[in-house]
């Protein structure tokens, strides 16, 4: 396994849920709902200090079930340290910052940087980052992934931003490895519909 290899984390997962800006109890409740429906991978963004508490709670709940929880919106090496100390299995960023990726390596956890252009994608690949978050995916559209697979076939994408149960299948059909769903989860019907994609 390379430093940033997400294959063992995602395994057969096609969907990841992002539980953003929720108190610890609600974060754990939704994570457990996702796990019960077969959505194994959960991301908890840590934009604020309070969010780190939610991450810790989700990590603990995941340990009890053998599930992995990652930290999202990790934009600085200091946040990588926070994520690692909270027990995050991986980190996710909205953009490509190689210093953040390198910090994750020092803590032994894979990092998923965000990209939105072929230039960023190639820059990431040149740094050994094969798994990338495409953000905002809904603006890029499914065809973007098909087009990029031509010159950069080794890349593996997690589509994030504007994904919901209505369009997730289109992104998966375009070659995306995993779709990540966040704000759509405010609709309680989303998680069961997303689980049906697995």
Protein backbone atom coordinates (compact mmCIF):
# COMPACT_ATOMS: atom_id res chain seq x y z
CA UNK A 1 0.00 0.00 0.00
CA UNK A 2 1.39 3.40 -0.97
CA UNK A 3 1.17 6.37 1.37
CA UNK A 4 -1.97 7.70 -0.26
CA UNK A 5 -3.60 4.45 -1.38
CA UNK A 6 -7.35 4.57 -0.77
CA UNK A 7 -8.10 1.15 -2.26
CA UNK A 8 -8.02 -0.56 1.17
CA UNK A 9 -10.22 2.19 2.63
CA UNK A 10 -12.89 2.25 -0.05
CA UNK A 11 -12.58 -1.46 -0.98
CA UNK A 12 -15.93 -2.10 -2.68
CA UNK A 13 -17.51 1.16 -1.48
CA UNK A 14 -19.16 3.29 -4.14
CA UNK A 15 -20.62 5.90 -1.76
CA UNK A 16 -19.13 8.00 1.04
CA UNK A 17 -21.25 10.21 3.29
CA UNK A 18 -20.01 13.59 4.50
CA UNK A 19 -21.45 14.61 7.87
CA UNK A 20 -20.76 18.33 8.10
CA UNK A 21 -21.47 20.84 10.89
CA UNK A 22 -23.47 18.47 13.06
CA UNK A 23 -23.20 17.94 16.83
CA UNK A 24 -21.49 14.71 17.93
CA UNK A 25 -24.69 12.83 18.73
CA UNK A 26 -26.28 13.63 15.36
CA UNK A 27 -23.04 12.82 13.56
CA UNK A 28 -22.92 9.40 15.19
CA UNK A 29 -26.63 8.77 14.54
CA UNK A 30 -26.30 9.45 10.81
CA UNK A 31 -23.02 7.53 10.58
CA UNK A 32 -24.66 4.50 12.18
CA UNK A 33 -27.61 4.79 9.81
CA UNK A 34 -25.23 4.81 6.86
CA UNK A 35 -23.28 1.82 8.19
CA UNK A 36 -26.45 -0.16 8.80
CA UNK A 37 -27.44 0.40 5.16
CA UNK A 38 -24.06 -0.73 3.88
CA UNK A 39 -22.40 2.66 3.30
CA UNK A 40 -19.12 1.93 5.03
CA UNK A 41 -17.07 5.13 4.62
CA UNK A 42 -17.82 8.35 6.51
CA UNK A 43 -16.10 11.73 6.34
CA UNK A 44 -16.49 14.36 9.06
CA UNK A 45 -15.21 17.80 8.01
CA UNK A 46 -13.25 19.67 10.69
CA UNK A 47 -13.63 23.30 9.69
CA UNK A 48 -14.12 24.31 13.32
CA UNK A 49 -12.85 23.18 16.73
CA UNK A 50 -16.34 21.91 17.59
CA UNK A 51 -16.26 19.69 14.51
CA UNK A 52 -13.22 17.86 15.87
CA UNK A 53 -15.45 16.66 18.73
CA UNK A 54 -17.88 15.24 16.18
CA UNK A 55 -14.99 13.55 14.37
CA UNK A 56 -13.79 11.95 17.61
CA UNK A 57 -17.30 10.69 18.38
CA UNK A 58 -17.71 9.21 14.91
CA UNK A 59 -14.25 7.59 15.03
CA UNK A 60 -15.12 5.94 18.34
CA UNK A 61 -18.47 4.72 17.03
CA UNK A 62 -16.73 3.42 13.92
CA UNK A 63 -14.15 1.51 15.94
CA UNK A 64 -16.94 -0.33 17.73
CA UNK A 65 -18.30 -1.45 14.35
CA UNK A 66 -15.04 -1.90 12.47
CA UNK A 67 -15.75 1.11 10.23
CA UNK A 68 -13.35 3.82 9.10
CA UNK A 69 -13.96 7.53 9.54
CA UNK A 70 -11.96 10.27 7.85
CA UNK A 71 -11.54 14.00 8.42
CA UNK A 72 -12.61 16.44 5.73
CA UNK A 73 -11.84 20.09 4.92
CA UNK A 74 -8.27 19.54 6.06
CA UNK A 75 -6.46 22.58 4.68
CA UNK A 76 -3.32 22.89 6.83
CA UNK A 77 -0.65 20.63 8.35
CA UNK A 78 -2.00 21.65 11.78
CA UNK A 79 -5.41 20.26 10.83
CA UNK A 80 -3.73 17.05 9.69
CA UNK A 81 -2.31 16.76 13.21
CA UNK A 82 -5.78 17.38 14.70
CA UNK A 83 -7.28 14.73 12.44
CA UNK A 84 -4.60 12.19 13.30
CA UNK A 85 -4.95 12.80 17.03
CA UNK A 86 -8.71 12.29 16.72
CA UNK A 87 -8.11 8.91 15.11
CA UNK A 88 -9.07 9.76 11.53
CA UNK A 89 -8.28 6.99 9.05
CA UNK A 90 -7.72 9.48 6.22
CA UNK A 91 -7.86 13.19 5.40
CA UNK A 92 -9.69 15.02 2.61
CA UNK A 93 -9.05 18.54 1.32
CA UNK A 94 -11.01 20.90 -0.92
CA UNK A 95 -7.90 21.74 -2.95
CA UNK A 96 -4.42 20.53 -3.84
CA UNK A 97 -1.79 21.53 -1.28
CA UNK A 98 1.25 19.28 -1.37
CA UNK A 99 2.40 20.41 2.08
CA UNK A 100 -0.85 19.07 3.53
CA UNK A 101 -0.44 15.81 1.60
CA UNK A 102 3.11 15.46 2.89
CA UNK A 103 1.98 16.14 6.45
CA UNK A 104 -0.51 13.29 6.16
CA UNK A 105 2.33 10.97 5.14
CA UNK A 106 4.22 11.86 8.32
CA UNK A 107 1.20 10.69 10.33
CA UNK A 108 0.78 7.57 8.23
CA UNK A 109 -2.67 8.39 6.90
CA UNK A 110 -3.76 8.70 3.25
CA UNK A 111 -4.74 12.13 1.94
CA UNK A 112 -7.37 12.87 -0.71
CA UNK A 113 -6.74 16.32 -2.25
CA UNK A 114 -9.28 18.23 -4.29
CA UNK A 115 -8.70 19.06 -7.95
CA UNK A 116 -10.80 20.69 -10.66
CA UNK A 117 -8.46 20.88 -13.68
CA UNK A 118 -6.25 18.53 -15.68
CA UNK A 119 -3.24 20.61 -14.62
CA UNK A 120 -4.00 20.06 -10.93
CA UNK A 121 -4.70 16.38 -11.55
CA UNK A 122 -1.37 15.87 -13.31
CA UNK A 123 0.47 17.85 -10.63
CA UNK A 124 -1.07 15.58 -7.98
CA UNK A 125 -0.19 12.45 -9.95
CA UNK A 126 3.41 13.63 -10.33
CA UNK A 127 3.53 13.82 -6.51
CA UNK A 128 2.33 10.23 -6.17
CA UNK A 129 -1.32 11.06 -5.50
CA UNK A 130 -3.43 8.67 -7.56
CA UNK A 131 -6.71 9.01 -5.63
CA UNK A 132 -8.17 12.49 -6.02
CA UNK A 133 -11.30 14.31 -5.01
CA UNK A 134 -12.91 16.12 -7.94
CA UNK A 135 -14.59 19.22 -6.60
CA UNK A 136 -17.09 20.66 -7.36
CA UNK A 137 -18.15 17.57 -9.27
CA UNK A 138 -21.60 18.81 -10.28
CA UNK A 139 -20.01 21.78 -12.04
CA UNK A 140 -17.45 19.56 -13.79
CA UNK A 141 -20.10 17.06 -14.88
CA UNK A 142 -19.78 13.32 -15.60
CA UNK A 143 -18.20 13.90 -19.02
CA UNK A 144 -15.18 15.58 -17.37
CA UNK A 145 -14.20 12.26 -15.82
CA UNK A 146 -14.54 10.39 -19.10
CA UNK A 147 -12.42 12.99 -20.86
CA UNK A 148 -9.68 12.97 -18.22
CA UNK A 149 -9.43 9.18 -18.27
CA UNK A 150 -7.90 9.44 -21.74
CA UNK A 151 -4.62 11.21 -20.88
CA UNK A 152 -4.55 10.26 -17.18
CA UNK A 153 -5.98 6.73 -16.93
CA UNK A 154 -4.16 5.88 -13.69
CA UNK A 155 -6.17 8.36 -11.64
CA UNK A 156 -9.00 7.29 -9.32
CA UNK A 157 -11.65 9.88 -8.54
CA UNK A 158 -14.02 10.57 -5.68
CA UNK A 159 -16.70 12.95 -6.98
CA UNK A 160 -17.73 15.53 -4.39
CA UNK A 161 -19.91 18.64 -4.50
CA UNK A 162 -23.53 18.67 -5.60
CA UNK A 163 -23.88 14.88 -5.66
CA UNK A 164 -27.19 13.38 -4.57
CA UNK A 165 -29.25 10.25 -5.12
CA UNK A 166 -30.58 11.66 -8.40
CA UNK A 167 -27.22 12.15 -10.15
CA UNK A 168 -24.84 9.80 -8.33
CA UNK A 169 -25.37 6.93 -10.77
CA UNK A 170 -24.39 9.17 -13.71
CA UNK A 171 -21.01 9.91 -12.11
CA UNK A 172 -20.41 6.26 -11.27
CA UNK A 173 -21.26 5.30 -14.86
CA UNK A 174 -18.71 7.88 -16.07
CA UNK A 175 -15.92 6.01 -14.28
CA UNK A 176 -15.87 7.69 -10.87
CA UNK A 177 -14.78 5.24 -8.18
CA UNK A 178 -16.77 6.77 -5.31
CA UNK A 179 -19.40 9.48 -4.97
CA UNK A 180 -19.37 11.58 -1.80
CA UNK A 181 -22.63 13.07 -0.59
CA UNK A 182 -22.90 15.88 1.92
CA UNK A 183 -25.56 18.59 1.88
CA UNK A 184 -28.08 16.28 0.22
CA UNK A 185 -28.24 14.36 3.49
CA UNK A 186 -30.47 17.08 4.93
CA UNK A 187 -33.15 15.12 3.04
CA UNK A 188 -33.73 11.98 5.13
CA UNK A 189 -34.67 10.00 2.01
CA UNK A 190 -31.19 10.34 0.54
CA UNK A 191 -29.20 7.77 2.55
CA UNK A 192 -31.49 4.79 1.76
CA UNK A 193 -31.57 5.76 -1.94
CA UNK A 194 -27.79 6.09 -2.02
CA UNK A 195 -27.41 2.72 -0.31
CA UNK A 196 -29.33 1.20 -3.22
CA UNK A 197 -26.41 2.18 -5.50
CA UNK A 198 -24.04 -0.17 -3.67
